[in-house]
């Protein structure tokens, strides 16, 4: 496995965990009734998910 591939996998794993953490933050904010924090957590979760999808698409596109 190349160093670049390993790094890409680690970055993807980090983004996956960040999205999961944002999901937990969202649940906490909802339980507290904090709409602003819930919105921020939702936005963060969406950003991490979109970054993962974008990176995977770019890698796929580069291989074709």
Protein backbone atom coordinates (compact mmCIF):
# COMPACT_ATOMS: atom_id res chain seq x y z
CA UNK A 1 0.00 0.00 0.00
CA UNK A 2 1.43 3.36 -0.96
CA UNK A 3 1.96 6.13 1.55
CA UNK A 4 -0.52 8.34 -0.31
CA UNK A 5 -3.17 5.61 -0.18
CA UNK A 6 -2.57 5.02 3.54
CA UNK A 7 -2.82 8.75 4.21
CA UNK A 8 -6.06 8.98 2.22
CA UNK A 9 -7.50 6.11 4.26
CA UNK A 10 -6.52 7.78 7.52
CA UNK A 11 -8.07 11.07 6.45
CA UNK A 12 -11.26 9.27 5.42
CA UNK A 13 -11.37 7.48 8.78
CA UNK A 14 -10.92 10.80 10.59
CA UNK A 15 -13.76 12.38 8.60
CA UNK A 16 -15.99 9.39 9.33
CA UNK A 17 -15.31 9.71 13.06
CA UNK A 18 -15.83 13.49 12.94
CA UNK A 19 -19.21 12.95 11.28
CA UNK A 20 -20.18 10.43 13.96
CA UNK A 21 -19.07 12.82 16.71
CA UNK A 22 -21.13 15.60 15.14
CA UNK A 23 -24.09 13.21 15.20
CA UNK A 24 -23.62 12.69 18.93
CA UNK A 25 -23.29 16.47 19.40
CA UNK A 26 -26.57 16.85 17.49
CA UNK A 27 -28.32 14.38 19.79
CA UNK A 28 -27.01 16.19 22.87
CA UNK A 29 -28.10 19.57 21.52
CA UNK A 30 -31.56 18.22 20.71
CA UNK A 31 -31.87 16.73 24.20
CA UNK A 32 -30.98 20.13 25.65
CA UNK A 33 -33.29 21.96 23.27
CA UNK A 34 -30.38 24.02 21.89
CA UNK A 35 -31.42 24.73 18.31
CA UNK A 36 -28.29 26.73 17.44
CA UNK A 37 -25.94 23.99 18.60
CA UNK A 38 -28.07 21.39 16.82
CA UNK A 39 -27.84 23.35 13.58
CA UNK A 40 -24.05 23.71 13.93
CA UNK A 41 -23.68 19.99 14.61
CA UNK A 42 -25.88 19.14 11.64
CA UNK A 43 -23.85 21.44 9.40
CA UNK A 44 -20.60 19.86 10.61
CA UNK A 45 -21.92 16.36 10.05
CA UNK A 46 -23.03 17.29 6.54
CA UNK A 47 -19.67 18.94 5.76
CA UNK A 48 -17.71 15.87 6.86
CA UNK A 49 -19.97 13.54 4.87
CA UNK A 50 -19.69 15.68 1.74
CA UNK A 51 -15.91 15.87 2.12
CA UNK A 52 -15.74 12.06 2.29
CA UNK A 53 -17.94 11.69 -0.77
CA UNK A 54 -15.94 14.28 -2.69
CA UNK A 55 -12.63 12.62 -1.90
CA UNK A 56 -13.95 9.21 -2.91
CA UNK A 57 -15.32 10.60 -6.17
CA UNK A 58 -12.04 12.36 -6.93
CA UNK A 59 -10.12 9.13 -6.30
CA UNK A 60 -12.51 7.19 -8.51
CA UNK A 61 -12.29 9.79 -11.26
CA UNK A 62 -8.48 9.79 -11.13
CA UNK A 63 -8.45 5.99 -11.55
CA UNK A 64 -10.59 6.05 -14.71
